[in-house]
Amino acid sequence: MRSIRPLFAARRGKSTRRGPSPVLAAVGLATALALTATACESGDDANAGGEASASATTGGDDKIQIPEGLQDRLKEHGIDLDQWKGGAWKNWDRDDWLREAGDFVNPIIEDLWDPDRMREAEDPDQGKGVDDSDLAGDQGVTDPEPAPVEAQAVQAAYHDNAPEAGKVFFDSPQGTMVCSATVVEDPANPGKSNLVWTAGHCVHAGKSGGWYRNIAFVPSYNNDAKSAAELTNATQEEVAPYGVWWGDWAQTSDQWIEQGGATGGQGASYDFAVIHVTPEEGSGGKSLEETVGSALPVDFDAPAVSEVGSITATGYPAAKPFDGETMYQCKDEPGRLSLAKSEPTMYRIGCTMTGGSSGGGWVATGSDGKPALVSNTSIGPITAGWLAGPHLGEEAKGIYDAVSEKFAGQ
């Protein structure tokens, strides 16, 4: 949540990294709206920027190979794949930073996200959150601020209790960052989804920038809930037991790309994104959903706040007093939050999760009576106590459907 905002990582014992990389203009990371956007686009043409066949493929040795289609797309943007992997991705010159909805490219760099670099993304930057000035003025309906709900640690193993949840890692001009995310169903590929739901500010910088880079999803990160000290010498398998999955396509809302900001609530009502992923290493032909064994449906017809009994938010909060290594949840009855009269009303719940939880899924009983994703963490106050997430309506469904259709049958 933005003030939970994208977390900058500082490698323990080493200088803080400030150069790594917001995603190549793909589809967007709604800059952790410093409201508490815990961080840590969409074009009209679902196929803009290249065909889905440009995604990475698996070779005979079960290793990922970069297809010619992707290399051609990189060349269109003046990007040499070898130079990119060699460090050219660290160049954040504004003239070269891709930001349009159809510009997303995210080449796999094998072994980039090792355990040390993942831990590096745990320490948040000093983010700004939403304050009274963001909520004042002539707005729509806003319910009284909810009482804080203490975040509860999810019991290990995470895969047994929240198999769809995980962490999104990415690079921005300010450093290595982290968000939370959820595996969701793919209507075009039932039972074989490679779709991940997160916040827009976890993939795109909004109005001030473009796509973040090296976006990758790690389901059930630190599955056994090891402490930060125990993770110091952890293996890749212990940190990422179900692999590292790179985003080969992402989309966020046009509103986030055009309005999203790093502080306050700009674009928060449209702060959502869908990422299509592919495994860094071979997965034996299995999809993400098959690998983790589950995926949540997304409910775009969720009932009004007054009809929702409770919502459960899940994430990996990283700003103090948390350390980003373990998964937490908050459960509360939602209220309404309006940042502007002209924008959709958001859900708001009491919750003490901090930065790093941005993008994490909000689950409630769907319109069919079963658990479904109804929102994601977007923003929160400067002092943690509540979280807010967008109501998923027509715009969100359009993005979801576009990504699904882009990879239909694959």
Protein backbone atom coordinates (compact mmCIF):
# COMPACT_ATOMS: atom_id res chain seq x y z
CA MET A 1 0.00 0.00 0.00
CA ARG A 2 1.24 3.35 -0.70
CA SER A 3 2.49 4.29 2.43
CA ILE A 4 3.15 1.02 2.44
CA ARG A 5 4.81 1.99 -0.77
CA PRO A 6 7.37 0.21 -2.91
CA LEU A 7 10.02 -1.10 -0.62
CA PHE A 8 13.56 -0.22 -1.38
CA ALA A 9 15.95 -2.93 -0.47
CA ALA A 10 19.26 -2.47 1.15
CA ARG A 11 21.52 -5.49 1.09
CA ARG A 12 22.49 -6.16 4.66
CA GLY A 13 25.97 -4.94 5.37
CA LYS A 14 26.21 -3.20 2.00
CA SER A 15 25.18 0.11 0.59
CA THR A 16 21.56 0.68 -0.35
CA ARG A 17 20.89 0.06 -4.03
CA ARG A 18 19.44 3.07 -5.77
CA GLY A 19 19.92 2.26 -9.41
CA PRO A 20 17.82 -0.79 -10.20
CA SER A 21 14.93 -0.53 -12.36
CA PRO A 22 11.25 0.19 -12.87
CA VAL A 23 9.72 -2.08 -15.38
CA LEU A 24 10.13 -1.38 -19.02
CA ALA A 25 7.11 0.50 -19.82
CA ALA A 26 4.88 -2.42 -19.85
CA VAL A 27 1.71 -2.20 -18.04
CA GLY A 28 1.92 -0.61 -14.94
CA LEU A 29 3.12 -0.26 -11.49
CA ALA A 30 0.97 2.19 -9.75
CA THR A 31 3.63 3.77 -7.71
CA ALA A 32 2.91 2.75 -4.22
CA LEU A 33 0.62 5.51 -3.55
CA ALA A 34 2.34 6.55 -0.54
CA LEU A 35 -0.93 6.19 1.06
CA THR A 36 0.20 2.97 2.31
CA ALA A 37 0.51 1.44 -0.93
CA THR A 38 2.53 -1.36 0.19
CA ALA A 39 4.94 -1.99 -2.31
CA CYS A 40 5.30 -2.57 -2.79
CA GLU A 41 -2.27 0.60 -18.29
CA SER A 42 -3.81 -0.89 -20.25
CA GLY A 43 -4.01 -0.25 -23.93
CA ASP A 44 -7.10 -0.53 -26.01
CA ASP A 45 -5.45 -3.24 -28.11
CA ALA A 46 -4.95 -6.37 -26.08
CA ASN A 47 -2.23 -7.45 -28.51
CA ALA A 48 -0.38 -4.16 -28.63
CA GLY A 49 3.36 -4.51 -28.36
CA GLY A 50 3.68 -7.96 -29.91
CA GLU A 51 2.09 -11.36 -29.97
CA ALA A 52 1.91 -13.62 -26.96
CA SER A 53 4.25 -15.99 -28.78
CA ALA A 54 6.99 -13.57 -27.85
CA SER A 55 7.00 -15.01 -24.35
CA ALA A 56 9.84 -17.24 -23.24
CA THR A 57 9.72 -20.93 -24.17
CA THR A 58 11.24 -24.06 -22.69
CA GLY A 59 14.05 -25.79 -24.53
CA GLY A 60 14.76 -29.49 -24.62
CA ASP A 61 16.97 -29.16 -21.55
CA ASP A 62 14.00 -27.66 -19.64
CA LYS A 63 15.70 -24.24 -19.62
CA ILE A 64 14.07 -21.02 -20.71
CA GLN A 65 15.04 -19.70 -24.12
CA ILE A 66 14.33 -16.18 -25.38
CA PRO A 67 12.21 -16.49 -28.55
CA GLU A 68 13.03 -14.50 -31.64
CA GLY A 69 9.75 -12.57 -31.35
CA LEU A 70 10.79 -11.05 -28.05
CA GLN A 71 14.21 -10.14 -29.38
CA ASP A 72 12.52 -8.34 -32.29
CA ARG A 73 10.34 -6.38 -29.87
CA LEU A 74 13.40 -5.39 -27.89
CA LYS A 75 15.12 -4.20 -31.04
CA GLU A 76 12.08 -2.08 -31.91
CA HIS A 77 12.76 -0.18 -28.70
CA GLY A 78 16.50 0.04 -29.36
CA ILE A 79 17.32 -2.62 -26.78
CA ASP A 80 20.07 -5.18 -27.34
CA LEU A 81 19.24 -8.34 -25.38
CA ASP A 82 22.85 -9.17 -24.47
CA GLN A 83 23.56 -5.61 -23.36
CA TRP A 84 20.31 -5.58 -21.43
CA LYS A 85 21.25 -8.71 -19.50
CA GLY A 86 24.73 -7.30 -19.03
CA GLY A 87 23.39 -4.31 -17.09
CA ALA A 88 21.84 -1.94 -19.64
CA TRP A 89 18.51 -2.40 -17.84
CA LYS A 90 19.90 -0.19 -15.09
CA ASN A 91 19.71 2.83 -17.41
CA TRP A 92 16.64 4.78 -16.33
CA ASP A 93 17.04 7.71 -18.70
CA ARG A 94 13.53 9.12 -19.04
CA ASP A 95 13.74 9.25 -22.83
CA ASP A 96 14.40 5.50 -22.92
CA TRP A 97 12.02 4.44 -20.16
CA LEU A 98 9.09 2.68 -21.81
CA ARG A 99 5.75 3.76 -20.36
CA GLU A 100 2.92 3.18 -22.84
CA ALA A 101 0.49 0.31 -22.31
CA GLY A 102 1.75 -1.70 -25.29
CA ASP A 103 5.45 -1.25 -24.56
CA PHE A 104 5.93 -3.90 -21.87
CA VAL A 105 9.04 -6.06 -22.27
CA ASN A 106 10.65 -7.96 -19.40
CA PRO A 107 13.44 -10.36 -20.54
CA ILE A 108 14.35 -13.12 -18.12
CA ILE A 109 17.76 -12.69 -16.52
CA GLU A 110 18.52 -16.10 -15.03
CA ASP A 111 19.60 -16.19 -11.39
CA LEU A 112 19.04 -12.43 -10.92
CA TRP A 113 16.55 -13.04 -8.12
CA ASP A 114 18.69 -15.08 -5.77
CA PRO A 115 17.93 -15.31 -2.01
CA ASP A 116 20.21 -12.37 -1.15
CA ARG A 117 18.62 -10.07 -3.71
CA MET A 118 15.14 -11.04 -2.58
CA ARG A 119 16.03 -10.19 1.01
CA GLU A 120 17.48 -6.96 -0.29
CA ALA A 121 13.98 -5.92 -1.28
CA GLU A 122 12.63 -6.12 2.24
CA ASP A 123 13.62 -2.80 3.73
CA PRO A 124 11.19 -0.05 2.70
CA ASP A 125 12.05 3.48 1.78
CA GLN A 126 10.77 6.26 3.96
CA GLY A 127 7.39 6.45 2.24
CA LYS A 128 4.66 8.96 2.64
CA GLY A 129 1.12 7.87 3.27
CA VAL A 130 -2.31 9.31 3.03
CA ASP A 131 -3.03 12.12 5.45
CA ASP A 132 -6.10 14.17 6.31
CA SER A 133 -5.53 16.52 3.38
CA ASP A 134 -5.88 13.62 0.96
CA LEU A 135 -9.28 12.74 2.38
CA ALA A 136 -10.72 16.20 2.85
CA GLY A 137 -12.83 18.23 0.48
CA ASP A 138 -15.85 17.61 -1.68
CA GLN A 139 -15.83 13.86 -2.12
CA GLY A 140 -18.16 10.93 -2.26
CA VAL A 141 -19.22 8.79 0.67
CA THR A 142 -16.52 7.95 3.21
CA ASP A 143 -17.31 5.94 6.33
CA PRO A 144 -15.64 6.64 9.69
CA GLU A 145 -12.04 5.49 9.94
CA PRO A 146 -11.98 1.84 11.06
CA ALA A 147 -10.31 0.73 14.28
CA PRO A 148 -6.88 -0.84 13.64
CA VAL A 149 -6.94 -4.62 13.27
CA GLU A 150 -3.72 -6.31 14.35
CA ALA A 151 -2.19 -8.27 11.46
CA GLN A 152 -1.91 -11.98 12.24
CA ALA A 153 0.99 -14.15 11.08
CA VAL A 154 -0.12 -16.87 8.65
CA GLN A 155 0.76 -20.32 9.92
CA ALA A 156 3.39 -22.28 8.03
CA ALA A 157 3.48 -23.90 5.65
CA TYR A 158 2.09 -21.00 3.64
CA HIS A 159 1.29 -23.30 0.75
CA ASP A 160 -1.11 -25.21 2.99
CA ASN A 161 -2.93 -22.11 4.20
CA ALA A 162 -2.68 -19.50 1.42
CA PRO A 163 -1.32 -21.27 -1.67
CA GLU A 164 -2.28 -18.46 -4.05
CA ALA A 165 -0.25 -15.78 -2.22
CA GLY A 166 3.31 -14.71 -2.95
CA LYS A 167 5.67 -11.80 -3.51
CA VAL A 168 6.41 -9.69 -6.59
CA PHE A 169 9.98 -8.43 -6.99
CA PHE A 170 11.02 -5.69 -9.40
CA ASP A 171 13.58 -2.98 -10.05
CA SER A 172 12.91 0.76 -10.17
CA PRO A 173 15.14 3.82 -10.59
CA GLN A 174 15.32 4.04 -6.78
CA GLY A 175 16.32 0.44 -6.15
CA THR A 176 15.07 -3.09 -5.72
CA MET A 177 11.45 -3.26 -4.58
CA VAL A 178 8.82 -5.73 -3.46
CA CYS A 179 5.03 -6.11 -3.41
CA SER A 180 2.57 -8.89 -2.70
CA ALA A 181 0.37 -10.69 -5.23
CA THR A 182 -2.13 -13.49 -5.84
CA VAL A 183 -2.49 -16.34 -8.35
CA VAL A 184 -5.88 -15.96 -10.06
CA GLU A 185 -7.85 -18.10 -12.46
CA ASP A 186 -7.53 -17.69 -16.23
CA PRO A 187 -10.87 -18.03 -18.04
CA ALA A 188 -9.11 -18.83 -21.33
CA ASN A 189 -7.01 -21.56 -19.73
CA PRO A 190 -9.13 -23.16 -16.99
CA GLY A 191 -7.07 -25.12 -14.48
CA LYS A 192 -3.85 -23.92 -16.10
CA SER A 193 -3.58 -20.27 -15.19
CA ASN A 194 -0.36 -18.27 -15.40
CA LEU A 195 -2.05 -15.06 -14.22
CA VAL A 196 -1.05 -13.04 -11.16
CA TRP A 197 -3.06 -10.15 -9.67
CA THR A 198 -1.33 -7.23 -7.96
CA ALA A 199 -1.44 -3.43 -7.67
CA GLY A 200 -0.78 -1.18 -10.65
CA HIS A 201 1.95 0.59 -8.70
CA CYS A 202 3.82 -2.71 -8.47
CA VAL A 203 4.41 -2.81 -12.23
CA HIS A 204 4.28 0.80 -13.45
CA ALA A 205 5.39 4.14 -11.97
CA GLY A 206 2.28 6.00 -13.10
CA LYS A 207 2.30 9.53 -14.49
CA SER A 208 5.93 10.20 -13.52
CA GLY A 209 7.52 7.17 -15.18
CA GLY A 210 7.07 3.89 -16.97
CA TRP A 211 7.20 0.13 -16.60
CA TYR A 212 9.34 -1.32 -13.88
CA ARG A 213 11.89 -3.96 -14.82
CA ASN A 214 12.83 -7.52 -13.91
CA ILE A 215 9.32 -8.18 -12.59
CA ALA A 216 9.08 -11.65 -11.10
CA PHE A 217 6.60 -13.51 -8.89
CA VAL A 218 7.59 -15.97 -6.14
CA PRO A 219 4.63 -18.00 -4.87
CA SER A 220 4.72 -19.06 -1.19
CA TYR A 221 7.90 -17.07 -0.58
CA ASN A 222 9.63 -18.44 2.54
CA ASN A 223 7.04 -21.19 2.75
CA ASP A 224 8.27 -22.45 6.12
CA ALA A 225 8.11 -18.98 7.76
CA LYS A 226 11.79 -18.87 8.64
CA SER A 227 13.03 -15.82 10.51
CA ALA A 228 15.22 -13.21 8.83
CA ALA A 229 18.23 -14.64 10.65
CA GLU A 230 17.42 -18.17 9.47
CA LEU A 231 17.06 -16.95 5.88
CA THR A 232 20.59 -15.51 5.81
CA ASN A 233 21.94 -18.85 4.65
CA ALA A 234 18.78 -20.17 3.03
CA THR A 235 18.91 -21.93 -0.31
CA GLN A 236 16.96 -20.87 -3.38
CA GLU A 237 14.64 -23.83 -2.85
CA GLU A 238 13.87 -22.74 0.71
CA VAL A 239 13.10 -19.17 -0.31
CA ALA A 240 11.29 -19.97 -3.57
CA PRO A 241 10.04 -23.58 -3.24
CA TYR A 242 7.73 -23.22 -6.25
CA GLY A 243 10.16 -21.34 -8.42
CA VAL A 244 10.62 -17.83 -9.75
CA TRP A 245 8.09 -16.80 -12.39
CA TRP A 246 8.93 -13.85 -14.65
CA GLY A 247 6.31 -11.54 -16.06
CA ASP A 248 6.21 -11.86 -19.84
CA TRP A 249 3.25 -9.48 -20.08
CA ALA A 250 1.52 -7.04 -17.76
CA GLN A 251 -1.37 -4.63 -17.95
CA THR A 252 -2.65 -1.94 -15.66
CA SER A 253 -5.31 0.71 -16.05
CA ASP A 254 -4.96 3.74 -18.31
CA GLN A 255 -6.01 5.77 -15.28
CA TRP A 256 -3.06 4.52 -13.27
CA ILE A 257 -0.60 5.24 -16.06
CA GLU A 258 -1.98 8.75 -16.54
CA GLN A 259 -2.77 9.71 -12.93
CA GLY A 260 -0.87 7.40 -10.58
CA GLY A 261 1.47 9.04 -8.08
CA ALA A 262 4.03 7.91 -5.51
CA THR A 263 2.30 9.77 -2.71
CA GLY A 264 -1.27 10.56 -1.75
CA GLY A 265 -4.18 8.85 -3.41
CA GLN A 266 -3.69 9.74 -7.08
CA GLY A 267 -4.99 6.88 -9.24
CA ALA A 268 -5.72 4.67 -6.23
CA SER A 269 -9.23 3.79 -7.39
CA TYR A 270 -7.66 2.18 -10.48
CA ASP A 271 -4.55 0.75 -8.80
CA PHE A 272 -4.66 -2.85 -10.07
CA ALA A 273 -2.72 -4.94 -12.57
CA VAL A 274 -2.57 -8.41 -14.10
CA ILE A 275 0.73 -10.12 -14.89
CA HIS A 276 1.13 -13.17 -17.13
CA VAL A 277 4.13 -15.19 -15.96
CA THR A 278 6.48 -17.88 -17.22
CA PRO A 279 8.94 -19.94 -15.14
CA GLU A 280 12.59 -18.90 -15.04
CA GLU A 281 13.47 -22.56 -15.25
CA GLY A 282 11.45 -25.38 -16.66
CA SER A 283 8.30 -26.36 -14.77
CA GLY A 284 7.84 -29.72 -16.46
CA GLY A 285 5.18 -28.22 -18.68
CA LYS A 286 3.02 -27.23 -15.73
CA SER A 287 1.31 -23.86 -15.41
CA LEU A 288 1.61 -21.68 -12.32
CA GLU A 289 -1.81 -22.82 -11.12
CA GLU A 290 -0.85 -26.48 -11.56
CA THR A 291 2.45 -25.88 -9.79
CA VAL A 292 0.95 -24.28 -6.68
CA GLY A 293 -2.26 -26.29 -6.87
CA SER A 294 -4.70 -23.40 -6.67
CA ALA A 295 -5.92 -20.12 -8.15
CA LEU A 296 -8.62 -17.73 -6.97
CA PRO A 297 -11.54 -16.55 -9.10
CA VAL A 298 -11.92 -12.78 -9.47
CA ASP A 299 -15.31 -11.30 -8.66
CA PHE A 300 -16.10 -8.19 -10.71
CA ASP A 301 -19.66 -8.13 -9.36
CA ALA A 302 -18.78 -8.03 -5.67
CA PRO A 303 -21.64 -6.80 -3.49
CA ALA A 304 -21.81 -3.34 -1.99
CA VAL A 305 -19.89 -2.70 1.21
CA SER A 306 -23.04 -2.99 3.31
CA GLU A 307 -23.55 -6.52 2.00
CA VAL A 308 -19.99 -7.79 2.54
CA GLY A 309 -19.62 -9.65 5.80
CA SER A 310 -15.83 -9.49 5.97
CA ILE A 311 -12.73 -9.21 3.82
CA THR A 312 -9.37 -10.92 4.42
CA ALA A 313 -6.26 -9.13 3.14
CA THR A 314 -3.01 -11.09 2.72
CA GLY A 315 0.51 -9.79 2.19
CA TYR A 316 4.16 -9.65 3.17
CA PRO A 317 4.50 -6.34 5.08
CA ALA A 318 8.10 -5.14 5.09
CA ALA A 319 8.11 -1.70 6.70
CA LYS A 320 8.67 -1.64 10.45
CA PRO A 321 7.72 -3.33 12.67
CA PHE A 322 7.65 -6.10 10.04
CA ASP A 323 10.63 -7.39 8.05
CA GLY A 324 9.05 -8.59 4.81
CA GLU A 325 10.03 -12.22 5.28
CA THR A 326 6.77 -13.60 6.61
CA MET A 327 3.14 -13.60 5.50
CA TYR A 328 0.37 -11.85 7.42
CA GLN A 329 -3.39 -11.40 7.15
CA CYS A 330 -6.05 -8.99 8.41
CA LYS A 331 -9.76 -9.74 8.55
CA ASP A 332 -12.32 -6.99 9.01
CA GLU A 333 -15.71 -5.73 7.90
CA PRO A 334 -15.12 -3.20 5.11
CA GLY A 335 -16.13 0.42 4.99
CA ARG A 336 -16.17 2.95 2.15
CA LEU A 337 -13.42 5.39 1.21
CA SER A 338 -13.82 8.10 -1.45
CA LEU A 339 -10.78 10.10 -2.50
CA ALA A 340 -12.65 12.05 -5.16
CA LYS A 341 -16.32 12.41 -6.00
CA SER A 342 -15.71 11.50 -9.63
CA GLU A 343 -13.86 8.25 -8.86
CA PRO A 344 -15.16 4.85 -7.75
CA THR A 345 -15.48 4.34 -4.01
CA MET A 346 -12.80 2.08 -2.52
CA TYR A 347 -13.03 -0.62 0.13
CA ARG A 348 -11.31 0.14 3.45
CA ILE A 349 -10.52 -2.16 6.37
CA GLY A 350 -8.70 -1.83 9.66
CA CYS A 351 -5.23 -3.42 9.36
CA THR A 352 -1.74 -2.80 10.72
CA MET A 353 0.16 -4.24 7.73
CA THR A 354 2.76 -1.88 6.29
CA GLY A 355 4.74 -1.37 3.08
CA GLY A 356 5.41 -4.54 1.14
CA SER A 357 1.81 -5.67 1.48
CA SER A 358 0.78 -3.57 -1.52
CA GLY A 359 -0.81 -5.63 -4.25
CA GLY A 360 -1.79 -8.41 -1.87
CA GLY A 361 -5.17 -9.99 -2.48
CA TRP A 362 -8.42 -9.16 -0.67
CA VAL A 363 -10.71 -12.16 -0.46
CA ALA A 364 -14.40 -12.23 0.38
CA THR A 365 -17.38 -14.44 -0.34
CA GLY A 366 -18.11 -13.91 -4.01
CA SER A 367 -21.44 -13.50 -5.74
CA ASP A 368 -21.59 -17.31 -6.10
CA GLY A 369 -21.06 -17.87 -2.38
CA LYS A 370 -17.44 -19.05 -2.76
CA PRO A 371 -14.16 -17.27 -1.84
CA ALA A 372 -13.03 -14.84 -4.54
CA LEU A 373 -10.59 -12.01 -5.01
CA VAL A 374 -12.51 -8.72 -4.72
CA SER A 375 -9.68 -6.16 -4.38
CA ASN A 376 -5.98 -5.64 -3.63
CA THR A 377 -4.06 -3.50 -1.19
CA SER A 378 -3.38 -0.05 -2.66
CA ILE A 379 -3.01 2.64 -0.02
CA GLY A 380 -2.88 3.31 3.69
CA PRO A 381 -2.13 6.11 6.15
CA ILE A 382 1.30 7.40 7.10
CA THR A 383 0.87 5.63 10.43
CA ALA A 384 -0.39 2.11 9.75
CA GLY A 385 -3.90 1.36 10.95
CA TRP A 386 -6.02 0.81 7.87
CA LEU A 387 -5.73 -0.28 4.25
CA ALA A 388 -7.79 0.62 1.19
CA GLY A 389 -8.23 -1.21 -2.09
CA PRO A 390 -10.06 -0.51 -5.37
CA HIS A 391 -13.48 -1.88 -6.20
CA LEU A 392 -12.98 -4.16 -9.20
CA GLY A 393 -15.40 -3.12 -11.90
CA GLU A 394 -15.56 -2.79 -15.68
CA GLU A 395 -12.06 -1.34 -16.11
CA ALA A 396 -10.48 -4.11 -14.05
CA LYS A 397 -12.41 -6.80 -15.91
CA GLY A 398 -11.30 -5.37 -19.24
CA ILE A 399 -7.64 -5.68 -18.25
CA TYR A 400 -8.13 -9.18 -16.88
CA ASP A 401 -9.95 -10.37 -20.00
CA ALA A 402 -7.38 -8.79 -22.33
CA VAL A 403 -4.45 -10.59 -20.69
CA SER A 404 -6.37 -13.86 -20.60
CA GLU A 405 -7.33 -13.63 -24.27
CA LYS A 406 -3.79 -12.67 -25.29
CA PHE A 407 -2.54 -16.05 -24.09
CA ALA A 408 -5.61 -18.12 -24.91
CA GLY A 409 -4.73 -21.73 -25.68
CA GLN A 410 -1.09 -21.36 -24.67
